[in-house]
Amino acid sequence: MSKIKNWMSEIEEFCNGYICDNGKLDPVWDFSIDEISEDAGMYFHSNEAKEYAKGYLIKNLGEI
């Protein structure tokens, strides 16, 4: 179970790298949710990572 939580945390940190500036939400970010989730899928070599990233971003940012 801890491996899954670590995996989820790594994906969340990856996504936060796109949308946060020093731990705060950056109001001017240049990437869409789809672009970030695609990058997560490529980075983690996993379609599940892509889907998790998309769900995480929608949950935290809302549909943009």
PDB file of N, CA and C in Angstrom:
ATOM      1  N   MET A   1       0.814  -1.191   0.000  1.00  0.00           N
ATOM      2  CA  MET A   1       0.000   0.000   0.000  1.00  0.00           C
ATOM      3  C   MET A   1       0.859   1.257   0.000  1.00  0.00           C
ATOM      4  N   SER A   2       1.990   1.220   0.686  1.00  0.00           N
ATOM      5  CA  SER A   2       2.825   2.416   0.760  1.00  0.00           C
ATOM      6  C   SER A   2       3.435   2.751  -0.601  1.00  0.00           C
ATOM      7  N   LYS A   3       3.678   1.746  -1.450  1.00  0.00           N
ATOM      8  CA  LYS A   3       4.209   2.018  -2.780  1.00  0.00           C
ATOM      9  C   LYS A   3       3.201   2.806  -3.610  1.00  0.00           C
ATOM     10  N   ILE A   4       1.933   2.477  -3.450  1.00  0.00           N
ATOM     11  CA  ILE A   4       0.888   3.190  -4.182  1.00  0.00           C
ATOM     12  C   ILE A   4       0.800   4.632  -3.699  1.00  0.00           C
ATOM     13  N   LYS A   5       0.868   4.840  -2.392  1.00  0.00           N
ATOM     14  CA  LYS A   5       0.817   6.207  -1.861  1.00  0.00           C
ATOM     15  C   LYS A   5       2.020   7.012  -2.322  1.00  0.00           C
ATOM     16  N   ASN A   6       3.191   6.399  -2.360  1.00  0.00           N
ATOM     17  CA  ASN A   6       4.381   7.095  -2.852  1.00  0.00           C
ATOM     18  C   ASN A   6       4.214   7.465  -4.322  1.00  0.00           C
ATOM     19  N   TRP A   7       3.677   6.546  -5.103  1.00  0.00           N
ATOM     20  CA  TRP A   7       3.436   6.782  -6.524  1.00  0.00           C
ATOM     21  C   TRP A   7       2.469   7.946  -6.713  1.00  0.00           C
ATOM     22  N   MET A   8       1.398   7.949  -5.936  1.00  0.00           N
ATOM     23  CA  MET A   8       0.416   9.026  -6.017  1.00  0.00           C
ATOM     24  C   MET A   8       1.048  10.353  -5.619  1.00  0.00           C
ATOM     25  N   SER A   9       1.836  10.356  -4.571  1.00  0.00           N
ATOM     26  CA  SER A   9       2.505  11.581  -4.119  1.00  0.00           C
ATOM     27  C   SER A   9       3.473  12.105  -5.172  1.00  0.00           C
ATOM     28  N   GLU A  10       4.175  11.212  -5.828  1.00  0.00           N
ATOM     29  CA  GLU A  10       5.107  11.626  -6.873  1.00  0.00           C
ATOM     30  C   GLU A  10       4.369  12.275  -8.041  1.00  0.00           C
ATOM     31  N   ILE A  11       3.237  11.729  -8.410  1.00  0.00           N
ATOM     32  CA  ILE A  11       2.442  12.310  -9.495  1.00  0.00           C
ATOM     33  C   ILE A  11       1.905  13.675  -9.084  1.00  0.00           C
ATOM     34  N   GLU A  12       1.431  13.787  -7.845  1.00  0.00           N
ATOM     35  CA  GLU A  12       0.928  15.067  -7.359  1.00  0.00           C
ATOM     36  C   GLU A  12       2.033  16.127  -7.350  1.00  0.00           C
ATOM     37  N   GLU A  13       3.226  15.758  -6.914  1.00  0.00           N
ATOM     38  CA  GLU A  13       4.355  16.686  -6.915  1.00  0.00           C
ATOM     39  C   GLU A  13       4.721  17.086  -8.343  1.00  0.00           C
ATOM     40  N   PHE A  14       4.674  16.130  -9.263  1.00  0.00           N
ATOM     41  CA  PHE A  14       4.946  16.406 -10.667  1.00  0.00           C
ATOM     42  C   PHE A  14       3.956  17.452 -11.186  1.00  0.00           C
ATOM     43  N   CYS A  15       2.678  17.264 -10.905  1.00  0.00           N
ATOM     44  CA  CYS A  15       1.641  18.204 -11.349  1.00  0.00           C
ATOM     45  C   CYS A  15       1.816  19.573 -10.686  1.00  0.00           C
ATOM     46  N   ASN A  16       2.137  19.558  -9.409  1.00  0.00           N
ATOM     47  CA  ASN A  16       2.317  20.820  -8.689  1.00  0.00           C
ATOM     48  C   ASN A  16       3.482  21.625  -9.252  1.00  0.00           C
ATOM     49  N   GLY A  17       4.460  20.952  -9.820  1.00  0.00           N
ATOM     50  CA  GLY A  17       5.570  21.650 -10.447  1.00  0.00           C
ATOM     51  C   GLY A  17       5.137  22.532 -11.603  1.00  0.00           C
ATOM     52  N   TYR A  18       4.046  22.168 -12.248  1.00  0.00           N
ATOM     53  CA  TYR A  18       3.521  22.967 -13.352  1.00  0.00           C
ATOM     54  C   TYR A  18       2.677  24.141 -12.874  1.00  0.00           C
ATOM     55  N   ILE A  19       1.980  23.971 -11.763  1.00  0.00           N
ATOM     56  CA  ILE A  19       0.965  24.962 -11.387  1.00  0.00           C
ATOM     57  C   ILE A  19       1.285  25.751 -10.133  1.00  0.00           C
ATOM     58  N   CYS A  20       2.369  25.428  -9.439  1.00  0.00           N
ATOM     59  CA  CYS A  20       2.690  26.111  -8.194  1.00  0.00           C
ATOM     60  C   CYS A  20       4.003  26.868  -8.308  1.00  0.00           C
ATOM     61  N   ASP A  21       4.070  27.970  -7.590  1.00  0.00           N
ATOM     62  CA  ASP A  21       5.284  28.754  -7.507  1.00  0.00           C
ATOM     63  C   ASP A  21       5.615  28.914  -6.034  1.00  0.00           C
ATOM     64  N   ASN A  22       6.653  28.236  -5.590  1.00  0.00           N
ATOM     65  CA  ASN A  22       7.056  28.251  -4.175  1.00  0.00           C
ATOM     66  C   ASN A  22       5.928  27.825  -3.243  1.00  0.00           C
ATOM     67  N   GLY A  23       5.221  26.788  -3.631  1.00  0.00           N
ATOM     68  CA  GLY A  23       4.174  26.234  -2.780  1.00  0.00           C
ATOM     69  C   GLY A  23       2.833  26.923  -2.886  1.00  0.00           C
ATOM     70  N   LYS A  24       2.742  27.986  -3.674  1.00  0.00           N
ATOM     71  CA  LYS A  24       1.474  28.699  -3.837  1.00  0.00           C
ATOM     72  C   LYS A  24       1.008  28.553  -5.276  1.00  0.00           C
ATOM     73  N   LEU A  25      -0.303  28.489  -5.454  1.00  0.00           N
ATOM     74  CA  LEU A  25      -0.873  28.355  -6.787  1.00  0.00           C
ATOM     75  C   LEU A  25      -0.492  29.570  -7.624  1.00  0.00           C
ATOM     76  N   ASP A  26       0.124  29.316  -8.761  1.00  0.00           N
ATOM     77  CA  ASP A  26       0.522  30.378  -9.677  1.00  0.00           C
ATOM     78  C   ASP A  26      -0.688  30.740 -10.531  1.00  0.00           C
ATOM     79  N   PRO A  27      -1.156  31.986 -10.449  1.00  0.00           N
ATOM     80  CA  PRO A  27      -2.367  32.349 -11.199  1.00  0.00           C
ATOM     81  C   PRO A  27      -2.157  32.361 -12.708  1.00  0.00           C
ATOM     82  N   VAL A  28      -0.913  32.404 -13.157  1.00  0.00           N
ATOM     83  CA  VAL A  28      -0.633  32.446 -14.587  1.00  0.00           C
ATOM     84  C   VAL A  28       0.199  31.227 -14.962  1.00  0.00           C
ATOM     85  N   TRP A  29      -0.475  30.138 -15.261  1.00  0.00           N
ATOM     86  CA  TRP A  29       0.250  28.956 -15.720  1.00  0.00           C
ATOM     87  C   TRP A  29      -0.162  28.673 -17.144  1.00  0.00           C
ATOM     88  N   ASP A  30       0.776  28.209 -17.914  1.00  0.00           N
ATOM     89  CA  ASP A  30       0.628  28.145 -19.359  1.00  0.00           C
ATOM     90  C   ASP A  30       0.230  26.779 -19.908  1.00  0.00           C
ATOM     91  N   PHE A  31      -0.184  25.871 -19.044  1.00  0.00           N
ATOM     92  CA  PHE A  31      -0.480  24.516 -19.502  1.00  0.00           C
ATOM     93  C   PHE A  31      -1.914  24.147 -19.149  1.00  0.00           C
ATOM     94  N   SER A  32      -2.528  23.370 -20.034  1.00  0.00           N
ATOM     95  CA  SER A  32      -3.876  22.895 -19.746  1.00  0.00           C
ATOM     96  C   SER A  32      -3.778  21.611 -18.916  1.00  0.00           C
ATOM     97  N   ILE A  33      -4.888  21.236 -18.330  1.00  0.00           N
ATOM     98  CA  ILE A  33      -4.941  19.993 -17.558  1.00  0.00           C
ATOM     99  C   ILE A  33      -4.579  18.808 -18.445  1.00  0.00           C
ATOM    100  N   ASP A  34      -5.057  18.813 -19.676  1.00  0.00           N
ATOM    101  CA  ASP A  34      -4.751  17.714 -20.595  1.00  0.00           C
ATOM    102  C   ASP A  34      -3.257  17.646 -20.910  1.00  0.00           C
ATOM    103  N   GLU A  35      -2.624  18.795 -21.098  1.00  0.00           N
ATOM    104  CA  GLU A  35      -1.190  18.802 -21.395  1.00  0.00           C
ATOM    105  C   GLU A  35      -0.375  18.273 -20.216  1.00  0.00           C
ATOM    106  N   ILE A  36      -0.734  18.702 -19.024  1.00  0.00           N
ATOM    107  CA  ILE A  36      -0.005  18.254 -17.836  1.00  0.00           C
ATOM    108  C   ILE A  36      -0.202  16.762 -17.626  1.00  0.00           C
ATOM    109  N   SER A  37      -1.433  16.278 -17.789  1.00  0.00           N
ATOM    110  CA  SER A  37      -1.685  14.848 -17.585  1.00  0.00           C
ATOM    111  C   SER A  37      -0.977  14.007 -18.653  1.00  0.00           C
ATOM    112  N   GLU A  38      -0.921  14.494 -19.891  1.00  0.00           N
ATOM    113  CA  GLU A  38      -0.178  13.788 -20.935  1.00  0.00           C
ATOM    114  C   GLU A  38       1.302  13.693 -20.565  1.00  0.00           C
ATOM    115  N   ASP A  39       1.862  14.795 -20.069  1.00  0.00           N
ATOM    116  CA  ASP A  39       3.263  14.793 -19.648  1.00  0.00           C
ATOM    117  C   ASP A  39       3.498  13.809 -18.502  1.00  0.00           C
ATOM    118  N   ALA A  40       2.558  13.763 -17.570  1.00  0.00           N
ATOM    119  CA  ALA A  40       2.687  12.824 -16.449  1.00  0.00           C
ATOM    120  C   ALA A  40       2.680  11.387 -16.961  1.00  0.00           C
ATOM    121  N   GLY A  41       1.817  11.090 -17.910  1.00  0.00           N
ATOM    122  CA  GLY A  41       1.765   9.753 -18.486  1.00  0.00           C
ATOM    123  C   GLY A  41       3.071   9.376 -19.166  1.00  0.00           C
ATOM    124  N   MET A  42       3.659  10.334 -19.892  1.00  0.00           N
ATOM    125  CA  MET A  42       4.930  10.065 -20.556  1.00  0.00           C
ATOM    126  C   MET A  42       6.072   9.944 -19.545  1.00  0.00           C
ATOM    127  N   TYR A  43       6.074  10.804 -18.539  1.00  0.00           N
ATOM    128  CA  TYR A  43       7.151  10.794 -17.552  1.00  0.00           C
ATOM    129  C   TYR A  43       7.156   9.499 -16.740  1.00  0.00           C
ATOM    130  N   PHE A  44       5.965   9.059 -16.320  1.00  0.00           N
ATOM    131  CA  PHE A  44       5.855   7.854 -15.495  1.00  0.00           C
ATOM    132  C   PHE A  44       5.634   6.582 -16.326  1.00  0.00           C
ATOM    133  N   HIS A  45       5.592   6.719 -17.646  1.00  0.00           N
ATOM    134  CA  HIS A  45       5.404   5.573 -18.553  1.00  0.00           C
ATOM    135  C   HIS A  45       4.177   4.755 -18.168  1.00  0.00           C
ATOM    136  N   SER A  46       3.054   5.477 -17.940  1.00  0.00           N
ATOM    137  CA  SER A  46       1.870   4.784 -17.452  1.00  0.00           C
ATOM    138  C   SER A  46       0.613   5.560 -17.812  1.00  0.00           C
ATOM    139  N   ASN A  47      -0.361   4.850 -18.365  1.00  0.00           N
ATOM    140  CA  ASN A  47      -1.659   5.455 -18.628  1.00  0.00           C
ATOM    141  C   ASN A  47      -2.394   5.742 -17.315  1.00  0.00           C
ATOM    142  N   GLU A  48      -2.155   4.910 -16.306  1.00  0.00           N
ATOM    143  CA  GLU A  48      -2.772   5.138 -14.989  1.00  0.00           C
ATOM    144  C   GLU A  48      -2.272   6.436 -14.377  1.00  0.00           C
ATOM    145  N   ALA A  49      -1.001   6.753 -14.571  1.00  0.00           N
ATOM    146  CA  ALA A  49      -0.446   8.010 -14.067  1.00  0.00           C
ATOM    147  C   ALA A  49      -1.116   9.193 -14.757  1.00  0.00           C
ATOM    148  N   LYS A  50      -1.347   9.049 -16.051  1.00  0.00           N
ATOM    149  CA  LYS A  50      -2.029  10.097 -16.813  1.00  0.00           C
ATOM    150  C   LYS A  50      -3.427  10.339 -16.253  1.00  0.00           C
ATOM    151  N   GLU A  51      -4.166   9.264 -16.042  1.00  0.00           N
ATOM    152  CA  GLU A  51      -5.530   9.382 -15.526  1.00  0.00           C
ATOM    153  C   GLU A  51      -5.556   9.928 -14.094  1.00  0.00           C
ATOM    154  N   TYR A  52      -4.624   9.475 -13.277  1.00  0.00           N
ATOM    155  CA  TYR A  52      -4.569   9.969 -11.904  1.00  0.00           C
ATOM    156  C   TYR A  52      -4.226  11.457 -11.889  1.00  0.00           C
ATOM    157  N   ALA A  53      -3.280  11.866 -12.713  1.00  0.00           N
ATOM    158  CA  ALA A  53      -2.893  13.274 -12.781  1.00  0.00           C
ATOM    159  C   ALA A  53      -4.080  14.131 -13.215  1.00  0.00           C
ATOM    160  N   LYS A  54      -4.806  13.668 -14.202  1.00  0.00           N
ATOM    161  CA  LYS A  54      -5.964  14.431 -14.688  1.00  0.00           C
ATOM    162  C   LYS A  54      -7.020  14.567 -13.589  1.00  0.00           C
ATOM    163  N   GLY A  55      -7.306  13.473 -12.894  1.00  0.00           N
ATOM    164  CA  GLY A  55      -8.271  13.527 -11.793  1.00  0.00           C
ATOM    165  C   GLY A  55      -7.808  14.428 -10.667  1.00  0.00           C
ATOM    166  N   TYR A  56      -6.533  14.359 -10.342  1.00  0.00           N
ATOM    167  CA  TYR A  56      -5.967  15.203  -9.285  1.00  0.00           C
ATOM    168  C   TYR A  56      -6.094  16.675  -9.651  1.00  0.00           C
ATOM    169  N   LEU A  57      -5.760  17.023 -10.881  1.00  0.00           N
ATOM    170  CA  LEU A  57      -5.819  18.416 -11.304  1.00  0.00           C
ATOM    171  C   LEU A  57      -7.251  18.929 -11.347  1.00  0.00           C
ATOM    172  N   ILE A  58      -8.161  18.130 -11.858  1.00  0.00           N
ATOM    173  CA  ILE A  58      -9.568  18.549 -11.909  1.00  0.00           C
ATOM    174  C   ILE A  58     -10.115  18.728 -10.499  1.00  0.00           C
ATOM    175  N   LYS A  59      -9.767  17.812  -9.614  1.00  0.00           N
ATOM    176  CA  LYS A  59     -10.240  17.895  -8.227  1.00  0.00           C
ATOM    177  C   LYS A  59      -9.738  19.175  -7.555  1.00  0.00           C
ATOM    178  N   ASN A  60      -8.475  19.521  -7.807  1.00  0.00           N
ATOM    179  CA  ASN A  60      -7.871  20.658  -7.117  1.00  0.00           C
ATOM    180  C   ASN A  60      -8.043  21.988  -7.832  1.00  0.00           C
ATOM    181  N   LEU A  61      -8.219  21.965  -9.137  1.00  0.00           N
ATOM    182  CA  LEU A  61      -8.335  23.214  -9.893  1.00  0.00           C
ATOM    183  C   LEU A  61      -9.698  23.431 -10.506  1.00  0.00           C
ATOM    184  N   GLY A  62     -10.439  22.378 -10.649  1.00  0.00           N
ATOM    185  CA  GLY A  62     -11.727  22.466 -11.307  1.00  0.00           C
ATOM    186  C   GLY A  62     -11.552  22.370 -12.811  1.00  0.00           C
ATOM    187  N   GLU A  63     -12.624  22.206 -13.526  1.00  0.00           N
ATOM    188  CA  GLU A  63     -12.587  22.107 -14.977  1.00  0.00           C
ATOM    189  C   GLU A  63     -12.284  23.481 -15.546  1.00  0.00           C
ATOM    190  N   ILE A  64     -11.229  23.553 -16.351  1.00  0.00           N
ATOM    191  CA  ILE A  64     -10.808  24.861 -16.879  1.00  0.00           C
ATOM    192  C   ILE A  64     -11.123  24.950 -18.356  1.00  0.00           C
TER     193      ILE A  64
END
